[in-house]
N, C-alpha and C. Protein backbone atom coordinates (compact mmCIF):
# COMPACT_ATOMS: atom_id res chain seq x y z
N MET A 1 -143.34 -80.84 -158.34
CA MET A 1 -143.24 -81.20 -156.95
C MET A 1 -141.93 -80.69 -156.40
N VAL A 2 -141.92 -80.39 -155.12
CA VAL A 2 -140.74 -79.90 -154.43
C VAL A 2 -140.56 -80.74 -153.17
N TYR A 3 -139.34 -81.15 -152.94
CA TYR A 3 -139.00 -81.91 -151.74
C TYR A 3 -137.98 -81.16 -150.93
N ARG A 4 -138.07 -81.26 -149.63
CA ARG A 4 -136.97 -80.88 -148.75
C ARG A 4 -136.12 -82.14 -148.64
N VAL A 5 -134.92 -82.09 -149.15
CA VAL A 5 -134.08 -83.28 -149.24
C VAL A 5 -133.68 -83.74 -147.84
N ARG A 6 -133.85 -85.03 -147.62
CA ARG A 6 -133.50 -85.67 -146.35
C ARG A 6 -132.48 -86.76 -146.63
N SER A 7 -131.54 -86.93 -145.77
CA SER A 7 -130.50 -87.94 -145.94
C SER A 7 -131.15 -89.31 -146.13
N GLY A 8 -130.81 -89.99 -147.22
CA GLY A 8 -131.33 -91.32 -147.50
C GLY A 8 -132.77 -91.35 -147.99
N GLY A 9 -133.35 -90.18 -148.29
CA GLY A 9 -134.75 -90.11 -148.71
C GLY A 9 -135.00 -90.77 -150.06
N ASN A 10 -136.12 -91.44 -150.18
CA ASN A 10 -136.55 -92.06 -151.44
C ASN A 10 -137.66 -91.19 -151.98
N TYR A 11 -137.40 -90.51 -153.11
CA TYR A 11 -138.35 -89.55 -153.68
C TYR A 11 -139.15 -90.13 -154.85
N GLY A 12 -138.96 -91.42 -155.12
CA GLY A 12 -139.81 -92.10 -156.08
C GLY A 12 -139.45 -91.91 -157.54
N TRP A 13 -138.29 -91.32 -157.83
CA TRP A 13 -137.91 -91.16 -159.22
C TRP A 13 -137.73 -92.54 -159.82
N SER A 14 -138.24 -92.88 -160.75
CA SER A 14 -139.10 -92.51 -161.84
C SER A 14 -140.47 -93.17 -161.73
N ILE A 15 -140.86 -93.46 -160.52
CA ILE A 15 -142.11 -94.17 -160.26
C ILE A 15 -143.28 -93.20 -160.05
N LYS A 16 -142.99 -92.05 -159.46
CA LYS A 16 -144.05 -91.10 -159.09
C LYS A 16 -143.80 -89.73 -159.71
N GLU A 17 -144.88 -89.00 -159.91
CA GLU A 17 -144.80 -87.58 -160.24
C GLU A 17 -145.78 -86.90 -159.31
N GLY A 18 -145.26 -86.15 -158.35
CA GLY A 18 -146.13 -85.58 -157.31
C GLY A 18 -146.81 -86.73 -156.58
N PRO A 19 -148.10 -86.60 -156.32
CA PRO A 19 -148.82 -87.68 -155.63
C PRO A 19 -149.25 -88.80 -156.57
N GLY A 20 -149.07 -88.62 -157.88
CA GLY A 20 -149.55 -89.62 -158.84
C GLY A 20 -148.52 -90.66 -159.20
N ASP A 21 -149.00 -91.83 -159.57
CA ASP A 21 -148.14 -92.92 -160.02
C ASP A 21 -147.88 -92.77 -161.52
N VAL A 22 -146.62 -92.92 -161.92
CA VAL A 22 -146.23 -92.86 -163.32
C VAL A 22 -145.91 -94.26 -163.81
N MET A 23 -145.13 -94.99 -163.04
CA MET A 23 -144.73 -96.37 -163.38
C MET A 23 -144.95 -97.24 -162.15
N PRO A 24 -146.21 -97.51 -161.79
CA PRO A 24 -146.50 -98.20 -160.53
C PRO A 24 -145.99 -99.64 -160.46
N ASN A 25 -145.62 -100.23 -161.57
CA ASN A 25 -145.15 -101.61 -161.55
C ASN A 25 -143.66 -101.75 -161.24
N LEU A 26 -142.94 -100.63 -161.19
CA LEU A 26 -141.50 -100.68 -160.86
C LEU A 26 -141.32 -100.86 -159.36
N PRO A 27 -140.22 -101.50 -158.93
CA PRO A 27 -139.97 -101.63 -157.48
C PRO A 27 -139.73 -100.25 -156.86
N VAL A 28 -140.19 -100.05 -155.65
CA VAL A 28 -140.11 -98.74 -155.01
C VAL A 28 -138.78 -98.50 -154.28
N GLY A 29 -137.98 -99.51 -154.10
CA GLY A 29 -136.72 -99.32 -153.41
C GLY A 29 -136.74 -99.91 -152.02
N PRO A 30 -135.63 -99.81 -151.32
CA PRO A 30 -135.54 -100.43 -150.00
C PRO A 30 -136.27 -99.64 -148.91
N THR A 31 -136.65 -98.40 -149.19
CA THR A 31 -137.36 -97.59 -148.19
C THR A 31 -138.64 -97.04 -148.82
N PRO A 32 -139.61 -96.66 -148.03
CA PRO A 32 -140.86 -96.11 -148.57
C PRO A 32 -140.59 -94.80 -149.33
N ILE A 33 -141.42 -94.54 -150.33
CA ILE A 33 -141.33 -93.28 -151.08
C ILE A 33 -141.90 -92.16 -150.23
N LEU A 34 -141.15 -91.08 -150.10
CA LEU A 34 -141.60 -89.91 -149.33
C LEU A 34 -142.55 -89.06 -150.17
N ALA A 35 -143.53 -88.47 -149.55
CA ALA A 35 -144.45 -87.56 -150.23
C ALA A 35 -143.75 -86.22 -150.48
N PRO A 36 -144.09 -85.54 -151.58
CA PRO A 36 -143.50 -84.24 -151.82
C PRO A 36 -143.97 -83.24 -150.77
N ASP A 37 -143.13 -82.24 -150.51
CA ASP A 37 -143.51 -81.17 -149.59
C ASP A 37 -144.45 -80.18 -150.27
N ILE A 38 -144.29 -79.99 -151.58
CA ILE A 38 -145.14 -79.09 -152.35
C ILE A 38 -145.50 -79.78 -153.66
N THR A 39 -146.78 -79.78 -154.01
CA THR A 39 -147.20 -80.24 -155.32
C THR A 39 -148.04 -79.14 -155.95
N LEU A 40 -147.88 -78.97 -157.24
CA LEU A 40 -148.66 -78.01 -158.00
C LEU A 40 -149.40 -78.79 -159.09
N SER A 41 -150.62 -78.38 -159.37
CA SER A 41 -151.38 -79.06 -160.42
C SER A 41 -150.78 -78.71 -161.78
N HIS A 42 -151.07 -79.51 -162.78
CA HIS A 42 -150.59 -79.21 -164.14
C HIS A 42 -151.30 -77.98 -164.72
N ALA A 43 -152.38 -77.53 -164.10
CA ALA A 43 -152.99 -76.27 -164.50
C ALA A 43 -152.13 -75.08 -164.08
N ASP A 44 -151.30 -75.27 -163.04
CA ASP A 44 -150.45 -74.19 -162.53
C ASP A 44 -149.00 -74.31 -162.97
N ALA A 45 -148.51 -75.52 -163.17
CA ALA A 45 -147.10 -75.72 -163.47
C ALA A 45 -146.92 -77.01 -164.27
N ALA A 46 -145.88 -77.05 -165.07
CA ALA A 46 -145.62 -78.23 -165.88
C ALA A 46 -144.21 -78.77 -165.71
N SER A 47 -143.30 -77.92 -165.21
CA SER A 47 -141.91 -78.34 -165.06
C SER A 47 -141.23 -77.49 -164.00
N VAL A 48 -141.55 -77.78 -162.73
CA VAL A 48 -140.92 -77.04 -161.63
C VAL A 48 -139.42 -77.26 -161.72
N THR A 49 -138.68 -76.15 -161.70
CA THR A 49 -137.23 -76.22 -161.94
C THR A 49 -136.49 -75.41 -160.89
N GLY A 50 -135.65 -76.11 -160.14
CA GLY A 50 -134.72 -75.45 -159.22
C GLY A 50 -135.37 -74.60 -158.16
N GLY A 51 -134.56 -73.87 -157.48
CA GLY A 51 -135.01 -72.99 -156.43
C GLY A 51 -133.89 -72.73 -155.45
N PHE A 52 -134.13 -71.79 -154.55
CA PHE A 52 -133.13 -71.43 -153.54
C PHE A 52 -133.83 -70.75 -152.39
N VAL A 53 -133.17 -70.73 -151.24
CA VAL A 53 -133.67 -69.97 -150.10
C VAL A 53 -133.11 -68.56 -150.23
N TYR A 54 -134.02 -67.58 -150.32
CA TYR A 54 -133.61 -66.19 -150.50
C TYR A 54 -133.06 -65.65 -149.18
N ARG A 55 -131.85 -65.12 -149.24
CA ARG A 55 -131.20 -64.57 -148.05
C ARG A 55 -130.78 -63.11 -148.25
N GLY A 56 -131.25 -62.50 -149.33
CA GLY A 56 -130.88 -61.11 -149.63
C GLY A 56 -131.60 -60.11 -148.76
N SER A 57 -131.29 -58.85 -149.01
CA SER A 57 -131.92 -57.77 -148.25
C SER A 57 -132.81 -56.88 -149.10
N GLU A 58 -132.73 -57.02 -150.42
CA GLU A 58 -133.50 -56.17 -151.30
C GLU A 58 -135.00 -56.45 -151.26
N LEU A 59 -135.38 -57.69 -150.99
CA LEU A 59 -136.79 -58.10 -150.92
C LEU A 59 -137.05 -58.72 -149.55
N PRO A 60 -137.18 -57.91 -148.51
CA PRO A 60 -137.30 -58.43 -147.15
C PRO A 60 -138.48 -59.36 -146.95
N GLU A 61 -139.55 -59.18 -147.74
CA GLU A 61 -140.72 -60.05 -147.59
C GLU A 61 -140.44 -61.48 -148.05
N LEU A 62 -139.37 -61.69 -148.81
CA LEU A 62 -139.01 -63.03 -149.27
C LEU A 62 -137.89 -63.66 -148.45
N ARG A 63 -137.27 -62.90 -147.56
CA ARG A 63 -136.12 -63.41 -146.80
C ARG A 63 -136.49 -64.70 -146.05
N GLY A 64 -135.69 -65.75 -146.30
CA GLY A 64 -135.91 -67.04 -145.67
C GLY A 64 -136.88 -67.95 -146.42
N SER A 65 -137.50 -67.44 -147.48
CA SER A 65 -138.44 -68.24 -148.28
C SER A 65 -137.69 -69.05 -149.32
N TYR A 66 -138.22 -70.22 -149.64
CA TYR A 66 -137.71 -71.01 -150.75
C TYR A 66 -138.41 -70.50 -152.00
N VAL A 67 -137.65 -69.93 -152.92
CA VAL A 67 -138.19 -69.36 -154.15
C VAL A 67 -137.91 -70.33 -155.28
N PHE A 68 -138.96 -70.68 -156.04
CA PHE A 68 -138.82 -71.62 -157.14
C PHE A 68 -139.74 -71.22 -158.28
N GLY A 69 -139.48 -71.77 -159.46
CA GLY A 69 -140.27 -71.41 -160.62
C GLY A 69 -140.62 -72.60 -161.47
N ASP A 70 -141.38 -72.33 -162.50
CA ASP A 70 -141.78 -73.34 -163.46
C ASP A 70 -141.26 -72.94 -164.85
N TRP A 71 -140.53 -73.84 -165.46
CA TRP A 71 -139.87 -73.59 -166.75
C TRP A 71 -140.89 -73.30 -167.86
N ILE A 72 -141.99 -74.01 -167.87
CA ILE A 72 -142.97 -73.89 -168.96
C ILE A 72 -143.86 -72.67 -168.79
N THR A 73 -144.44 -72.48 -167.61
CA THR A 73 -145.39 -71.38 -167.42
C THR A 73 -144.72 -70.05 -167.07
N ARG A 74 -143.45 -70.11 -166.70
CA ARG A 74 -142.69 -68.92 -166.29
C ARG A 74 -143.28 -68.23 -165.05
N ARG A 75 -143.93 -69.03 -164.21
CA ARG A 75 -144.48 -68.51 -162.94
C ARG A 75 -143.49 -68.82 -161.82
N PHE A 76 -143.56 -68.03 -160.73
CA PHE A 76 -142.68 -68.20 -159.57
C PHE A 76 -143.50 -68.22 -158.30
N TRP A 77 -142.97 -68.96 -157.30
CA TRP A 77 -143.61 -69.07 -156.00
C TRP A 77 -142.57 -68.90 -154.89
N ALA A 78 -143.06 -68.54 -153.72
CA ALA A 78 -142.23 -68.49 -152.51
C ALA A 78 -142.90 -69.36 -151.46
N ALA A 79 -142.13 -70.29 -150.89
CA ALA A 79 -142.66 -71.19 -149.88
C ALA A 79 -141.99 -70.90 -148.55
N GLU A 80 -142.78 -70.88 -147.50
CA GLU A 80 -142.25 -70.73 -146.15
C GLU A 80 -142.41 -72.06 -145.43
N PHE A 81 -141.32 -72.52 -144.80
CA PHE A 81 -141.28 -73.78 -144.07
C PHE A 81 -141.04 -73.49 -142.60
N ASP A 82 -141.51 -74.39 -141.74
CA ASP A 82 -141.00 -74.42 -140.38
C ASP A 82 -140.10 -75.65 -140.30
N GLU A 83 -139.80 -76.15 -139.14
CA GLU A 83 -138.88 -77.29 -139.03
C GLU A 83 -139.43 -78.57 -139.63
N SER A 84 -140.75 -78.69 -139.74
CA SER A 84 -141.31 -79.96 -140.17
C SER A 84 -142.22 -79.92 -141.39
N ALA A 85 -142.71 -78.74 -141.78
CA ALA A 85 -143.69 -78.72 -142.86
C ALA A 85 -143.72 -77.36 -143.56
N VAL A 86 -144.34 -77.37 -144.73
CA VAL A 86 -144.58 -76.14 -145.48
C VAL A 86 -145.70 -75.37 -144.78
N GLN A 87 -145.50 -74.10 -144.57
CA GLN A 87 -146.52 -73.27 -143.94
C GLN A 87 -147.36 -72.54 -144.99
N THR A 88 -146.70 -71.96 -146.01
CA THR A 88 -147.40 -71.25 -147.06
C THR A 88 -146.69 -71.41 -148.39
N VAL A 89 -147.44 -71.36 -149.49
CA VAL A 89 -146.89 -71.29 -150.83
C VAL A 89 -147.65 -70.17 -151.52
N THR A 90 -146.92 -69.14 -151.94
CA THR A 90 -147.53 -67.95 -152.53
C THR A 90 -146.93 -67.68 -153.88
N GLU A 91 -147.76 -67.44 -154.88
CA GLU A 91 -147.23 -67.05 -156.19
C GLU A 91 -146.72 -65.62 -156.08
N ILE A 92 -145.54 -65.41 -156.68
CA ILE A 92 -144.93 -64.07 -156.62
C ILE A 92 -144.73 -63.53 -158.03
């Protein structure tokens, strides 16, 4: 799962994994748990790790995209956001 970090956001660690409940009996915190901006099935990814917004010039088709990968499958994706939501997620 990938989140766009928001000030004071509750991302559900260690209660949720993506949209699924992992430890549903734990207290959720003082604020509601936010939904992830991007979720990938375990058929596609097992350990989404890190990422960055590409600002280089060598790959113009990726400029401004959030590029992230999966540690286990060694696959990579590029996500395009607008001000409020994910517009596309493309495997690269």
